[in-house]
Amino acid sequence: MKLYVVRHGIAAEVDGESSDEARPLTREGRAKFAEGVRGLAQLDTHIELILHSPLLRAVQTAELLV
C-alpha cells in the first residue's frame, strides 16, 4: 500500500466577511495543483481512495485529483 499526503492548492485570503471554511482555491492554486496531478498521471499513479476535510479548498483540491 502506498499513502500519498496532499496539501490543498493555494486558497483565497480570508476577508472580514468570509469564514476560513469557505475559502476557495485561487485560479493560480487550481492551475498549479492541476500541473501536479498531470505529473502523477505521468508516473502512472493509481489512487483508489481520497479522503479530505469538508473545507471548500480541500473539496476543490480533491475534485482536481479525481
PDB file of N, CA and C in Angstrom:
ATOM      1  N   MET A   1       0.845  -1.173   0.000  1.00  0.00           N
ATOM      2  CA  MET A   1       0.000   0.000   0.000  1.00  0.00           C
ATOM      3  C   MET A   1       0.894   1.240   0.000  1.00  0.00           C
ATOM      4  N   LYS A   2       0.511   2.214  -0.801  1.00  0.00           N
ATOM      5  CA  LYS A   2       1.188   3.499  -0.814  1.00  0.00           C
ATOM      6  C   LYS A   2       0.219   4.552  -0.304  1.00  0.00           C
ATOM      7  N   LEU A   3       0.727   5.453   0.502  1.00  0.00           N
ATOM      8  CA  LEU A   3      -0.083   6.527   1.056  1.00  0.00           C
ATOM      9  C   LEU A   3       0.482   7.853   0.569  1.00  0.00           C
ATOM     10  N   TYR A   4      -0.355   8.648  -0.051  1.00  0.00           N
ATOM     11  CA  TYR A   4       0.042   9.975  -0.516  1.00  0.00           C
ATOM     12  C   TYR A   4      -0.670  11.009   0.346  1.00  0.00           C
ATOM     13  N   VAL A   5       0.086  11.912   0.905  1.00  0.00           N
ATOM     14  CA  VAL A   5      -0.495  13.013   1.677  1.00  0.00           C
ATOM     15  C   VAL A   5      -0.368  14.254   0.808  1.00  0.00           C
ATOM     16  N   VAL A   6      -1.495  14.883   0.526  1.00  0.00           N
ATOM     17  CA  VAL A   6      -1.534  16.009  -0.397  1.00  0.00           C
ATOM     18  C   VAL A   6      -2.087  17.224   0.332  1.00  0.00           C
ATOM     19  N   ARG A   7      -1.404  18.322   0.172  1.00  0.00           N
ATOM     20  CA  ARG A   7      -1.888  19.582   0.747  1.00  0.00           C
ATOM     21  C   ARG A   7      -2.759  20.275  -0.283  1.00  0.00           C
ATOM     22  N   HIS A   8      -3.760  20.987   0.175  1.00  0.00           N
ATOM     23  CA  HIS A   8      -4.658  21.687  -0.752  1.00  0.00           C
ATOM     24  C   HIS A   8      -3.892  22.734  -1.548  1.00  0.00           C
ATOM     25  N   GLY A   9      -4.473  23.130  -2.668  1.00  0.00           N
ATOM     26  CA  GLY A   9      -3.877  24.167  -3.500  1.00  0.00           C
ATOM     27  C   GLY A   9      -3.961  25.531  -2.832  1.00  0.00           C
ATOM     28  N   ILE A  10      -3.398  26.526  -3.496  1.00  0.00           N
ATOM     29  CA  ILE A  10      -3.400  27.894  -2.963  1.00  0.00           C
ATOM     30  C   ILE A  10      -4.844  28.372  -2.837  1.00  0.00           C
ATOM     31  N   ALA A  11      -5.189  28.862  -1.662  1.00  0.00           N
ATOM     32  CA  ALA A  11      -6.559  29.313  -1.396  1.00  0.00           C
ATOM     33  C   ALA A  11      -6.606  30.827  -1.266  1.00  0.00           C
ATOM     34  N   ALA A  12      -7.789  31.365  -1.490  1.00  0.00           N
ATOM     35  CA  ALA A  12      -8.013  32.796  -1.366  1.00  0.00           C
ATOM     36  C   ALA A  12      -7.780  33.236   0.079  1.00  0.00           C
ATOM     37  N   GLU A  13      -7.388  34.469   0.225  1.00  0.00           N
ATOM     38  CA  GLU A  13      -7.186  35.036   1.560  1.00  0.00           C
ATOM     39  C   GLU A  13      -8.541  35.204   2.259  1.00  0.00           C
ATOM     40  N   VAL A  14      -8.508  35.184   3.559  1.00  0.00           N
ATOM     41  CA  VAL A  14      -9.728  35.393   4.354  1.00  0.00           C
ATOM     42  C   VAL A  14     -10.013  36.885   4.408  1.00  0.00           C
ATOM     43  N   ASP A  15     -11.236  37.261   4.088  1.00  0.00           N
ATOM     44  CA  ASP A  15     -11.611  38.664   4.255  1.00  0.00           C
ATOM     45  C   ASP A  15     -12.492  38.778   5.499  1.00  0.00           C
ATOM     46  N   GLY A  16     -12.877  39.940   5.828  1.00  0.00           N
ATOM     47  CA  GLY A  16     -13.628  40.165   7.061  1.00  0.00           C
ATOM     48  C   GLY A  16     -14.995  39.519   7.106  1.00  0.00           C
ATOM     49  N   GLU A  17     -15.561  39.186   5.935  1.00  0.00           N
ATOM     50  CA  GLU A  17     -16.923  38.641   5.889  1.00  0.00           C
ATOM     51  C   GLU A  17     -16.973  37.122   5.708  1.00  0.00           C
ATOM     52  N   SER A  18     -15.898  36.540   5.220  1.00  0.00           N
ATOM     53  CA  SER A  18     -15.888  35.097   4.934  1.00  0.00           C
ATOM     54  C   SER A  18     -15.232  34.328   6.071  1.00  0.00           C
ATOM     55  N   SER A  19     -15.661  33.096   6.217  1.00  0.00           N
ATOM     56  CA  SER A  19     -15.028  32.239   7.212  1.00  0.00           C
ATOM     57  C   SER A  19     -13.898  31.455   6.550  1.00  0.00           C
ATOM     58  N   ASP A  20     -12.993  30.954   7.338  1.00  0.00           N
ATOM     59  CA  ASP A  20     -11.880  30.171   6.836  1.00  0.00           C
ATOM     60  C   ASP A  20     -12.377  28.943   6.080  1.00  0.00           C
ATOM     61  N   GLU A  21     -13.477  28.361   6.528  1.00  0.00           N
ATOM     62  CA  GLU A  21     -14.009  27.146   5.917  1.00  0.00           C
ATOM     63  C   GLU A  21     -14.462  27.361   4.487  1.00  0.00           C
ATOM     64  N   ALA A  22     -14.816  28.586   4.125  1.00  0.00           N
ATOM     65  CA  ALA A  22     -15.374  28.880   2.803  1.00  0.00           C
ATOM     66  C   ALA A  22     -14.332  29.395   1.807  1.00  0.00           C
ATOM     67  N   ARG A  23     -13.044  29.340   2.151  1.00  0.00           N
ATOM     68  CA  ARG A  23     -12.002  29.854   1.251  1.00  0.00           C
ATOM     69  C   ARG A  23     -11.840  28.932   0.043  1.00  0.00           C
ATOM     70  N   PRO A  24     -12.103  29.425  -1.163  1.00  0.00           N
ATOM     71  CA  PRO A  24     -11.931  28.599  -2.360  1.00  0.00           C
ATOM     72  C   PRO A  24     -10.490  28.629  -2.846  1.00  0.00           C
ATOM     73  N   LEU A  25     -10.176  27.720  -3.753  1.00  0.00           N
ATOM     74  CA  LEU A  25      -8.876  27.764  -4.410  1.00  0.00           C
ATOM     75  C   LEU A  25      -8.833  28.988  -5.324  1.00  0.00           C
ATOM     76  N   THR A  26      -7.661  29.564  -5.459  1.00  0.00           N
ATOM     77  CA  THR A  26      -7.486  30.655  -6.408  1.00  0.00           C
ATOM     78  C   THR A  26      -7.285  30.056  -7.798  1.00  0.00           C
ATOM     79  N   ARG A  27      -7.343  30.881  -8.812  1.00  0.00           N
ATOM     80  CA  ARG A  27      -7.086  30.422 -10.181  1.00  0.00           C
ATOM     81  C   ARG A  27      -5.667  29.831 -10.258  1.00  0.00           C
ATOM     82  N   GLU A  28      -4.721  30.522  -9.627  1.00  0.00           N
ATOM     83  CA  GLU A  28      -3.336  30.037  -9.603  1.00  0.00           C
ATOM     84  C   GLU A  28      -3.241  28.707  -8.853  1.00  0.00           C
ATOM     85  N   GLY A  29      -3.974  28.604  -7.746  1.00  0.00           N
ATOM     86  CA  GLY A  29      -3.969  27.371  -6.969  1.00  0.00           C
ATOM     87  C   GLY A  29      -4.491  26.195  -7.764  1.00  0.00           C
ATOM     88  N   ARG A  30      -5.565  26.421  -8.526  1.00  0.00           N
ATOM     89  CA  ARG A  30      -6.109  25.360  -9.381  1.00  0.00           C
ATOM     90  C   ARG A  30      -5.101  24.954 -10.450  1.00  0.00           C
ATOM     91  N   ALA A  31      -4.478  25.952 -11.083  1.00  0.00           N
ATOM     92  CA  ALA A  31      -3.537  25.670 -12.172  1.00  0.00           C
ATOM     93  C   ALA A  31      -2.321  24.902 -11.675  1.00  0.00           C
ATOM     94  N   LYS A  32      -1.760  25.326 -10.562  1.00  0.00           N
ATOM     95  CA  LYS A  32      -0.570  24.651 -10.030  1.00  0.00           C
ATOM     96  C   LYS A  32      -0.887  23.233  -9.568  1.00  0.00           C
ATOM     97  N   PHE A  33      -2.038  23.067  -8.941  1.00  0.00           N
ATOM     98  CA  PHE A  33      -2.383  21.723  -8.485  1.00  0.00           C
ATOM     99  C   PHE A  33      -2.677  20.815  -9.670  1.00  0.00           C
ATOM    100  N   ALA A  34      -3.348  21.339 -10.680  1.00  0.00           N
ATOM    101  CA  ALA A  34      -3.627  20.553 -11.884  1.00  0.00           C
ATOM    102  C   ALA A  34      -2.321  20.107 -12.543  1.00  0.00           C
ATOM    103  N   GLU A  35      -1.309  20.944 -12.506  1.00  0.00           N
ATOM    104  CA  GLU A  35       0.007  20.583 -13.040  1.00  0.00           C
ATOM    105  C   GLU A  35       0.591  19.400 -12.261  1.00  0.00           C
ATOM    106  N   GLY A  36       0.440  19.422 -10.956  1.00  0.00           N
ATOM    107  CA  GLY A  36       0.902  18.312 -10.124  1.00  0.00           C
ATOM    108  C   GLY A  36       0.151  17.023 -10.413  1.00  0.00           C
ATOM    109  N   VAL A  37      -1.137  17.140 -10.656  1.00  0.00           N
ATOM    110  CA  VAL A  37      -1.949  15.964 -10.989  1.00  0.00           C
ATOM    111  C   VAL A  37      -1.471  15.362 -12.313  1.00  0.00           C
ATOM    112  N   ARG A  38      -1.156  16.209 -13.277  1.00  0.00           N
ATOM    113  CA  ARG A  38      -0.626  15.702 -14.554  1.00  0.00           C
ATOM    114  C   ARG A  38       0.694  14.962 -14.330  1.00  0.00           C
ATOM    115  N   GLY A  39       1.506  15.452 -13.410  1.00  0.00           N
ATOM    116  CA  GLY A  39       2.755  14.773 -13.076  1.00  0.00           C
ATOM    117  C   GLY A  39       2.504  13.399 -12.479  1.00  0.00           C
ATOM    118  N   LEU A  40       1.517  13.295 -11.602  1.00  0.00           N
ATOM    119  CA  LEU A  40       1.168  11.989 -11.035  1.00  0.00           C
ATOM    120  C   LEU A  40       0.693  11.034 -12.117  1.00  0.00           C
ATOM    121  N   ALA A  41      -0.075  11.562 -13.075  1.00  0.00           N
ATOM    122  CA  ALA A  41      -0.579  10.725 -14.165  1.00  0.00           C
ATOM    123  C   ALA A  41       0.593  10.180 -14.992  1.00  0.00           C
ATOM    124  N   GLN A  42       1.618  10.984 -15.211  1.00  0.00           N
ATOM    125  CA  GLN A  42       2.781  10.537 -15.973  1.00  0.00           C
ATOM    126  C   GLN A  42       3.549   9.434 -15.241  1.00  0.00           C
ATOM    127  N   LEU A  43       3.435   9.415 -13.930  1.00  0.00           N
ATOM    128  CA  LEU A  43       4.081   8.373 -13.137  1.00  0.00           C
ATOM    129  C   LEU A  43       3.222   7.115 -13.044  1.00  0.00           C
ATOM    130  N   ASP A  44       2.075   7.133 -13.748  1.00  0.00           N
ATOM    131  CA  ASP A  44       1.141   6.010 -13.761  1.00  0.00           C
ATOM    132  C   ASP A  44       0.656   5.683 -12.350  1.00  0.00           C
ATOM    133  N   THR A  45       0.346   6.719 -11.596  1.00  0.00           N
ATOM    134  CA  THR A  45      -0.138   6.576 -10.227  1.00  0.00           C
ATOM    135  C   THR A  45      -1.636   6.281 -10.232  1.00  0.00           C
ATOM    136  N   HIS A  46      -2.032   5.270  -9.499  1.00  0.00           N
ATOM    137  CA  HIS A  46      -3.450   4.918  -9.386  1.00  0.00           C
ATOM    138  C   HIS A  46      -3.895   5.177  -7.953  1.00  0.00           C
ATOM    139  N   ILE A  47      -4.868   6.045  -7.791  1.00  0.00           N
ATOM    140  CA  ILE A  47      -5.380   6.386  -6.462  1.00  0.00           C
ATOM    141  C   ILE A  47      -6.745   5.744  -6.313  1.00  0.00           C
ATOM    142  N   GLU A  48      -6.881   4.929  -5.295  1.00  0.00           N
ATOM    143  CA  GLU A  48      -8.124   4.187  -5.074  1.00  0.00           C
ATOM    144  C   GLU A  48      -9.091   4.896  -4.137  1.00  0.00           C
ATOM    145  N   LEU A  49      -8.567   5.705  -3.242  1.00  0.00           N
ATOM    146  CA  LEU A  49      -9.412   6.327  -2.228  1.00  0.00           C
ATOM    147  C   LEU A  49      -8.864   7.713  -1.912  1.00  0.00           C
ATOM    148  N   ILE A  50      -9.753   8.682  -1.868  1.00  0.00           N
ATOM    149  CA  ILE A  50      -9.361  10.047  -1.496  1.00  0.00           C
ATOM    150  C   ILE A  50     -10.184  10.451  -0.285  1.00  0.00           C
ATOM    151  N   LEU A  51      -9.505  10.810   0.777  1.00  0.00           N
ATOM    152  CA  LEU A  51     -10.157  11.326   1.978  1.00  0.00           C
ATOM    153  C   LEU A  51      -9.759  12.786   2.124  1.00  0.00           C
ATOM    154  N   HIS A  52     -10.713  13.639   2.442  1.00  0.00           N
ATOM    155  CA  HIS A  52     -10.421  15.065   2.577  1.00  0.00           C
ATOM    156  C   HIS A  52     -11.333  15.690   3.615  1.00  0.00           C
ATOM    157  N   SER A  53     -10.942  16.848   4.070  1.00  0.00           N
ATOM    158  CA  SER A  53     -11.768  17.568   5.039  1.00  0.00           C
ATOM    159  C   SER A  53     -12.934  18.233   4.299  1.00  0.00           C
ATOM    160  N   PRO A  54     -13.918  18.711   5.028  1.00  0.00           N
ATOM    161  CA  PRO A  54     -15.055  19.377   4.394  1.00  0.00           C
ATOM    162  C   PRO A  54     -14.782  20.838   4.004  1.00  0.00           C
ATOM    163  N   LEU A  55     -13.579  21.339   4.276  1.00  0.00           N
ATOM    164  CA  LEU A  55     -13.262  22.711   3.897  1.00  0.00           C
ATOM    165  C   LEU A  55     -13.330  22.844   2.378  1.00  0.00           C
ATOM    166  N   LEU A  56     -13.869  23.949   1.893  1.00  0.00           N
ATOM    167  CA  LEU A  56     -14.079  24.146   0.462  1.00  0.00           C
ATOM    168  C   LEU A  56     -12.798  23.926  -0.337  1.00  0.00           C
ATOM    169  N   ARG A  57     -11.690  24.477   0.116  1.00  0.00           N
ATOM    170  CA  ARG A  57     -10.436  24.335  -0.628  1.00  0.00           C
ATOM    171  C   ARG A  57      -9.970  22.887  -0.693  1.00  0.00           C
ATOM    172  N   ALA A  58     -10.252  22.115   0.335  1.00  0.00           N
ATOM    173  CA  ALA A  58      -9.888  20.693   0.338  1.00  0.00           C
ATOM    174  C   ALA A  58     -10.793  19.906  -0.610  1.00  0.00           C
ATOM    175  N   VAL A  59     -12.058  20.234  -0.630  1.00  0.00           N
ATOM    176  CA  VAL A  59     -13.004  19.582  -1.540  1.00  0.00           C
ATOM    177  C   VAL A  59     -12.608  19.875  -2.983  1.00  0.00           C
ATOM    178  N   GLN A  60     -12.315  21.138  -3.275  1.00  0.00           N
ATOM    179  CA  GLN A  60     -11.935  21.504  -4.641  1.00  0.00           C
ATOM    180  C   GLN A  60     -10.627  20.834  -5.056  1.00  0.00           C
ATOM    181  N   THR A  61      -9.683  20.717  -4.147  1.00  0.00           N
ATOM    182  CA  THR A  61      -8.431  20.038  -4.438  1.00  0.00           C
ATOM    183  C   THR A  61      -8.680  18.562  -4.728  1.00  0.00           C
ATOM    184  N   ALA A  62      -9.518  17.923  -3.936  1.00  0.00           N
ATOM    185  CA  ALA A  62      -9.845  16.510  -4.153  1.00  0.00           C
ATOM    186  C   ALA A  62     -10.528  16.309  -5.500  1.00  0.00           C
ATOM    187  N   GLU A  63     -11.387  17.234  -5.878  1.00  0.00           N
ATOM    188  CA  GLU A  63     -12.053  17.128  -7.180  1.00  0.00           C
ATOM    189  C   GLU A  63     -11.042  17.177  -8.322  1.00  0.00           C
ATOM    190  N   LEU A  64     -10.030  18.009  -8.186  1.00  0.00           N
ATOM    191  CA  LEU A  64      -8.991  18.066  -9.213  1.00  0.00           C
ATOM    192  C   LEU A  64      -8.176  16.768  -9.246  1.00  0.00           C
ATOM    193  N   LEU A  65      -7.971  16.185  -8.100  1.00  0.00           N
ATOM    194  CA  LEU A  65      -7.187  14.966  -8.001  1.00  0.00           C
ATOM    195  C   LEU A  65      -7.911  13.773  -8.630  1.00  0.00           C
ATOM    196  N   VAL A  66      -9.213  13.786  -8.544  1.00  0.00           N
ATOM    197  CA  VAL A  66     -10.007  12.701  -9.130  1.00  0.00           C
ATOM    198  C   VAL A  66      -9.781  12.681 -10.631  1.00  0.00           C
TER     199      VAL A  66
END
